[in-house]
Structure formats: structure tokens, C-alpha cells
Amino acid sequence: MISKETATDIAYAYREIETAEKLLTDIAATMDKSSHVDIRDAFGRRADGLQLGIPTSDTGRTLYQVPWPLARPIIEAHIAAKKAALSALNEKARFELDAA
């Protein structure tokens, strides 16, 4: 049987890939239409760039308004890293199944 930890890690990897691919699609679609990216938050406010940071921490550090042209390669690299991690998790799951 696959461990709960492995199953959870696989689910989180899929979620990250799905979220990142959706954001990348949104960025690409708006960048292809014009030089201005019009992506809005849940309140309808325009997001002028990507936020990178460590939330809810006394020592939290956040970068605001990372330009969208820079965000695209960052998101692409994130997707590639998560897909590589997912591949390793799939191997781990196979090992766990074979060991059971």
C-alpha cells in the first residue's frame, strides 16, 4: 500500500502543477493580446505582478510586483521542478506497492 505521506505529496504536487499551469495560461493569454497583463485578484483589483515570499511569519520576506515577463520563466521552472518531483514520487509509490 502507498503511504499516506506519499499519497499526500503526490496530491500536493498535482495541485501545484495545476495551479501554476492555470496562472501561466492566464499570463500568456493576456501577454499575447497586449503588452499589458490584466490579471485580477478575488476582489477585482488588478495585480501588477507576481508576489514571491514567505507568508505569515515574523521574519517573512515578500517581493511585490515581480514583473509579469519575469514571472513567466519562474512559473515555467516551478512547473518543471514539480513535474520532476512528481516523477520521483511515482517511483516511490511503485516501490511502496512492490514492498507491500
N, C-alpha and C. Protein backbone atom coordinates (compact mmCIF):
# COMPACT_ATOMS: atom_id res chain seq x y z
N MET A 1 0.84 -1.17 0.00
CA MET A 1 0.00 0.00 0.00
C MET A 1 0.89 1.24 0.00
N ILE A 2 0.41 2.30 -0.66
CA ILE A 2 1.14 3.57 -0.68
C ILE A 2 0.91 4.28 0.65
N SER A 3 1.99 4.84 1.19
CA SER A 3 1.85 5.54 2.48
C SER A 3 1.02 6.81 2.32
N LYS A 4 0.44 7.22 3.42
CA LYS A 4 -0.35 8.45 3.44
C LYS A 4 0.51 9.64 3.03
N GLU A 5 1.74 9.67 3.52
CA GLU A 5 2.66 10.77 3.21
C GLU A 5 2.93 10.86 1.70
N THR A 6 3.17 9.71 1.08
CA THR A 6 3.43 9.68 -0.36
C THR A 6 2.19 10.13 -1.14
N ALA A 7 1.03 9.62 -0.75
CA ALA A 7 -0.21 10.00 -1.42
C ALA A 7 -0.47 11.50 -1.29
N THR A 8 -0.22 12.03 -0.11
CA THR A 8 -0.42 13.47 0.12
C THR A 8 0.56 14.29 -0.72
N ASP A 9 1.82 13.86 -0.74
CA ASP A 9 2.82 14.57 -1.53
C ASP A 9 2.47 14.56 -3.02
N ILE A 10 1.96 13.44 -3.50
CA ILE A 10 1.54 13.35 -4.90
C ILE A 10 0.38 14.31 -5.16
N ALA A 11 -0.59 14.33 -4.27
CA ALA A 11 -1.74 15.23 -4.44
C ALA A 11 -1.29 16.69 -4.44
N TYR A 12 -0.40 17.06 -3.53
CA TYR A 12 0.09 18.44 -3.48
C TYR A 12 0.86 18.80 -4.75
N ALA A 13 1.64 17.86 -5.26
CA ALA A 13 2.39 18.12 -6.49
C ALA A 13 1.44 18.36 -7.66
N TYR A 14 0.41 17.52 -7.77
CA TYR A 14 -0.57 17.73 -8.83
C TYR A 14 -1.27 19.09 -8.68
N ARG A 15 -1.62 19.46 -7.45
CA ARG A 15 -2.28 20.73 -7.21
C ARG A 15 -1.39 21.90 -7.61
N GLU A 16 -0.12 21.84 -7.25
CA GLU A 16 0.82 22.91 -7.60
C GLU A 16 0.97 23.03 -9.11
N ILE A 17 1.09 21.89 -9.79
CA ILE A 17 1.22 21.90 -11.25
C ILE A 17 -0.02 22.51 -11.89
N GLU A 18 -1.18 22.07 -11.43
CA GLU A 18 -2.44 22.57 -11.98
C GLU A 18 -2.58 24.08 -11.76
N THR A 19 -2.29 24.54 -10.57
CA THR A 19 -2.40 25.97 -10.25
C THR A 19 -1.41 26.78 -11.08
N ALA A 20 -0.17 26.32 -11.17
CA ALA A 20 0.86 27.04 -11.91
C ALA A 20 0.53 27.07 -13.40
N GLU A 21 0.05 25.96 -13.94
CA GLU A 21 -0.31 25.92 -15.37
C GLU A 21 -1.46 26.87 -15.67
N LYS A 22 -2.43 26.97 -14.76
CA LYS A 22 -3.55 27.89 -14.95
C LYS A 22 -3.05 29.33 -14.94
N LEU A 23 -2.20 29.67 -13.98
CA LEU A 23 -1.64 31.02 -13.92
C LEU A 23 -0.82 31.33 -15.16
N LEU A 24 -0.01 30.37 -15.59
CA LEU A 24 0.81 30.56 -16.78
C LEU A 24 -0.06 30.77 -18.02
N THR A 25 -1.16 30.02 -18.12
CA THR A 25 -2.09 30.20 -19.23
C THR A 25 -2.70 31.60 -19.20
N ASP A 26 -3.10 32.06 -18.02
CA ASP A 26 -3.67 33.40 -17.88
C ASP A 26 -2.67 34.48 -18.28
N ILE A 27 -1.44 34.33 -17.83
CA ILE A 27 -0.40 35.31 -18.15
C ILE A 27 -0.13 35.30 -19.65
N ALA A 28 0.04 34.12 -20.21
CA ALA A 28 0.34 34.01 -21.64
C ALA A 28 -0.79 34.58 -22.49
N ALA A 29 -2.03 34.30 -22.12
CA ALA A 29 -3.17 34.79 -22.89
C ALA A 29 -3.23 36.31 -22.89
N THR A 30 -2.99 36.91 -21.74
CA THR A 30 -3.08 38.37 -21.69
C THR A 30 -1.84 39.02 -22.30
N MET A 31 -0.66 38.40 -22.19
CA MET A 31 0.54 38.96 -22.79
C MET A 31 0.49 38.87 -24.30
N ASP A 32 -0.17 37.84 -24.84
CA ASP A 32 -0.27 37.69 -26.28
C ASP A 32 -1.20 38.74 -26.88
N LYS A 33 -2.18 39.19 -26.09
CA LYS A 33 -3.15 40.19 -26.58
C LYS A 33 -2.57 41.60 -26.57
N SER A 34 -1.78 41.89 -25.55
CA SER A 34 -1.20 43.24 -25.44
C SER A 34 0.04 43.17 -24.57
N SER A 35 0.71 44.30 -24.48
CA SER A 35 1.92 44.34 -23.63
C SER A 35 1.55 44.48 -22.16
N HIS A 36 0.28 44.74 -21.88
CA HIS A 36 -0.19 44.94 -20.52
C HIS A 36 -0.92 43.68 -20.04
N VAL A 37 -0.53 43.16 -18.89
CA VAL A 37 -1.17 41.99 -18.31
C VAL A 37 -2.27 42.47 -17.38
N ASP A 38 -3.48 41.97 -17.59
CA ASP A 38 -4.62 42.36 -16.76
C ASP A 38 -5.14 41.12 -16.03
N ILE A 39 -4.51 40.81 -14.92
CA ILE A 39 -4.93 39.70 -14.06
C ILE A 39 -5.40 40.33 -12.76
N ARG A 40 -6.55 39.87 -12.28
CA ARG A 40 -7.16 40.49 -11.11
C ARG A 40 -7.27 39.50 -9.95
N ASP A 41 -7.25 40.04 -8.74
CA ASP A 41 -7.39 39.20 -7.56
C ASP A 41 -8.86 38.90 -7.30
N ALA A 42 -9.15 38.24 -6.22
CA ALA A 42 -10.52 37.82 -5.90
C ALA A 42 -11.45 39.01 -5.67
N PHE A 43 -10.88 40.19 -5.40
CA PHE A 43 -11.68 41.39 -5.15
C PHE A 43 -11.79 42.27 -6.38
N GLY A 44 -11.25 41.80 -7.50
CA GLY A 44 -11.33 42.56 -8.75
C GLY A 44 -10.24 43.59 -8.93
N ARG A 45 -9.28 43.63 -7.99
CA ARG A 45 -8.18 44.59 -8.12
C ARG A 45 -7.13 44.01 -9.06
N ARG A 46 -6.60 44.88 -9.91
CA ARG A 46 -5.58 44.43 -10.86
C ARG A 46 -4.29 44.09 -10.14
N ALA A 47 -3.72 42.95 -10.48
CA ALA A 47 -2.43 42.55 -9.93
C ALA A 47 -1.34 43.04 -10.88
N ASP A 48 -0.43 43.85 -10.38
CA ASP A 48 0.61 44.42 -11.23
C ASP A 48 1.85 43.55 -11.32
N GLY A 49 1.78 42.38 -10.77
CA GLY A 49 2.91 41.47 -10.84
C GLY A 49 2.72 40.32 -9.88
N LEU A 50 3.65 39.43 -9.90
CA LEU A 50 3.63 38.25 -9.06
C LEU A 50 4.18 38.60 -7.68
N GLN A 51 3.67 37.95 -6.65
CA GLN A 51 4.23 38.10 -5.31
C GLN A 51 5.01 36.83 -4.97
N LEU A 52 6.19 37.00 -4.48
CA LEU A 52 7.00 35.88 -4.02
C LEU A 52 7.36 36.14 -2.57
N GLY A 53 7.16 35.15 -1.73
CA GLY A 53 7.52 35.39 -0.35
C GLY A 53 7.14 34.27 0.58
N ILE A 54 7.40 34.51 1.84
CA ILE A 54 7.07 33.59 2.92
C ILE A 54 5.98 34.26 3.73
N PRO A 55 4.75 33.77 3.63
CA PRO A 55 3.64 34.45 4.33
C PRO A 55 3.60 34.15 5.82
N THR A 56 2.87 34.96 6.52
CA THR A 56 2.54 34.80 7.93
C THR A 56 3.73 34.40 8.79
N SER A 57 4.72 35.21 8.77
CA SER A 57 5.90 34.94 9.57
C SER A 57 6.47 36.25 10.09
N ASP A 58 6.98 36.24 11.31
CA ASP A 58 7.60 37.44 11.85
C ASP A 58 8.82 37.84 11.03
N THR A 59 9.45 36.86 10.46
CA THR A 59 10.63 37.13 9.64
C THR A 59 10.30 36.98 8.15
N GLY A 60 9.02 37.06 7.83
CA GLY A 60 8.57 36.90 6.45
C GLY A 60 9.18 37.95 5.54
N ARG A 61 9.51 37.50 4.37
CA ARG A 61 10.05 38.39 3.36
C ARG A 61 9.21 38.20 2.11
N THR A 62 8.72 39.29 1.54
CA THR A 62 7.89 39.20 0.35
C THR A 62 8.35 40.21 -0.68
N LEU A 63 8.43 39.74 -1.91
CA LEU A 63 8.70 40.63 -3.04
C LEU A 63 7.35 40.92 -3.69
N TYR A 64 7.06 42.17 -3.90
CA TYR A 64 5.80 42.56 -4.52
C TYR A 64 6.05 43.04 -5.94
N GLN A 65 5.08 42.84 -6.77
CA GLN A 65 5.09 43.33 -8.15
C GLN A 65 6.30 42.85 -8.95
N VAL A 66 6.61 41.56 -8.83
CA VAL A 66 7.61 40.97 -9.70
C VAL A 66 7.02 41.04 -11.11
N PRO A 67 7.69 41.68 -12.05
CA PRO A 67 7.10 41.91 -13.37
C PRO A 67 6.65 40.61 -14.05
N TRP A 68 5.52 40.70 -14.75
CA TRP A 68 4.96 39.52 -15.41
C TRP A 68 5.94 38.86 -16.39
N PRO A 69 6.73 39.63 -17.16
CA PRO A 69 7.69 38.95 -18.05
C PRO A 69 8.70 38.09 -17.28
N LEU A 70 9.03 38.48 -16.05
CA LEU A 70 9.90 37.65 -15.21
C LEU A 70 9.14 36.49 -14.59
N ALA A 71 7.86 36.71 -14.33
CA ALA A 71 7.04 35.69 -13.70
C ALA A 71 6.90 34.46 -14.58
N ARG A 72 6.80 34.68 -15.88
CA ARG A 72 6.60 33.56 -16.81
C ARG A 72 7.70 32.49 -16.69
N PRO A 73 8.99 32.84 -16.81
CA PRO A 73 10.01 31.80 -16.66
C PRO A 73 10.08 31.20 -15.26
N ILE A 74 9.75 32.01 -14.25
CA ILE A 74 9.74 31.49 -12.88
C ILE A 74 8.67 30.40 -12.75
N ILE A 75 7.49 30.67 -13.27
CA ILE A 75 6.39 29.70 -13.19
C ILE A 75 6.72 28.46 -14.02
N GLU A 76 7.30 28.66 -15.20
CA GLU A 76 7.69 27.52 -16.04
C GLU A 76 8.71 26.63 -15.31
N ALA A 77 9.67 27.25 -14.64
CA ALA A 77 10.67 26.49 -13.88
C ALA A 77 10.01 25.77 -12.70
N HIS A 78 9.05 26.42 -12.07
CA HIS A 78 8.33 25.80 -10.95
C HIS A 78 7.56 24.57 -11.42
N ILE A 79 6.91 24.68 -12.57
CA ILE A 79 6.17 23.54 -13.12
C ILE A 79 7.13 22.39 -13.42
N ALA A 80 8.25 22.70 -14.03
CA ALA A 80 9.23 21.66 -14.36
C ALA A 80 9.75 20.98 -13.09
N ALA A 81 10.01 21.76 -12.05
CA ALA A 81 10.51 21.18 -10.80
C ALA A 81 9.45 20.29 -10.16
N LYS A 82 8.19 20.73 -10.18
CA LYS A 82 7.11 19.92 -9.58
C LYS A 82 6.87 18.65 -10.38
N LYS A 83 7.00 18.71 -11.70
CA LYS A 83 6.85 17.50 -12.52
C LYS A 83 7.98 16.52 -12.24
N ALA A 84 9.18 17.03 -12.02
CA ALA A 84 10.31 16.15 -11.67
C ALA A 84 10.07 15.51 -10.31
N ALA A 85 9.58 16.30 -9.36
CA ALA A 85 9.27 15.76 -8.04
C ALA A 85 8.16 14.72 -8.13
N LEU A 86 7.16 14.97 -8.96
CA LEU A 86 6.07 14.03 -9.15
C LEU A 86 6.58 12.72 -9.74
N SER A 87 7.50 12.81 -10.66
CA SER A 87 8.10 11.60 -11.24
C SER A 87 8.81 10.77 -10.16
N ALA A 88 9.55 11.45 -9.30
CA ALA A 88 10.23 10.75 -8.20
C ALA A 88 9.22 10.16 -7.23
N LEU A 89 8.14 10.88 -6.95
CA LEU A 89 7.10 10.36 -6.06
C LEU A 89 6.40 9.15 -6.67
N ASN A 90 6.22 9.15 -7.97
CA ASN A 90 5.63 7.98 -8.63
C ASN A 90 6.52 6.75 -8.46
N GLU A 91 7.81 6.95 -8.56
CA GLU A 91 8.75 5.83 -8.34
C GLU A 91 8.68 5.36 -6.89
N LYS A 92 8.60 6.31 -5.97
CA LYS A 92 8.48 5.96 -4.55
C LYS A 92 7.20 5.16 -4.31
N ALA A 93 6.11 5.57 -4.94
CA ALA A 93 4.84 4.85 -4.79
C ALA A 93 4.94 3.44 -5.36
N ARG A 94 5.61 3.29 -6.50
CA ARG A 94 5.81 1.96 -7.08
C ARG A 94 6.60 1.06 -6.12
N PHE A 95 7.64 1.64 -5.52
CA PHE A 95 8.45 0.90 -4.57
C PHE A 95 7.60 0.46 -3.38
N GLU A 96 6.78 1.37 -2.86
CA GLU A 96 5.93 1.06 -1.72
C GLU A 96 4.92 -0.04 -2.07
N LEU A 97 4.40 0.01 -3.30
CA LEU A 97 3.45 -1.03 -3.71
C LEU A 97 4.12 -2.39 -3.84
N ASP A 98 5.35 -2.36 -4.41
CA ASP A 98 6.08 -3.62 -4.57
C ASP A 98 6.49 -4.22 -3.22
N ALA A 99 6.75 -3.36 -2.25
CA ALA A 99 7.18 -3.83 -0.94
C ALA A 99 6.02 -4.37 -0.11
N ALA A 100 4.81 -4.02 -0.49
CA ALA A 100 3.65 -4.44 0.30
C ALA A 100 3.27 -5.87 0.06
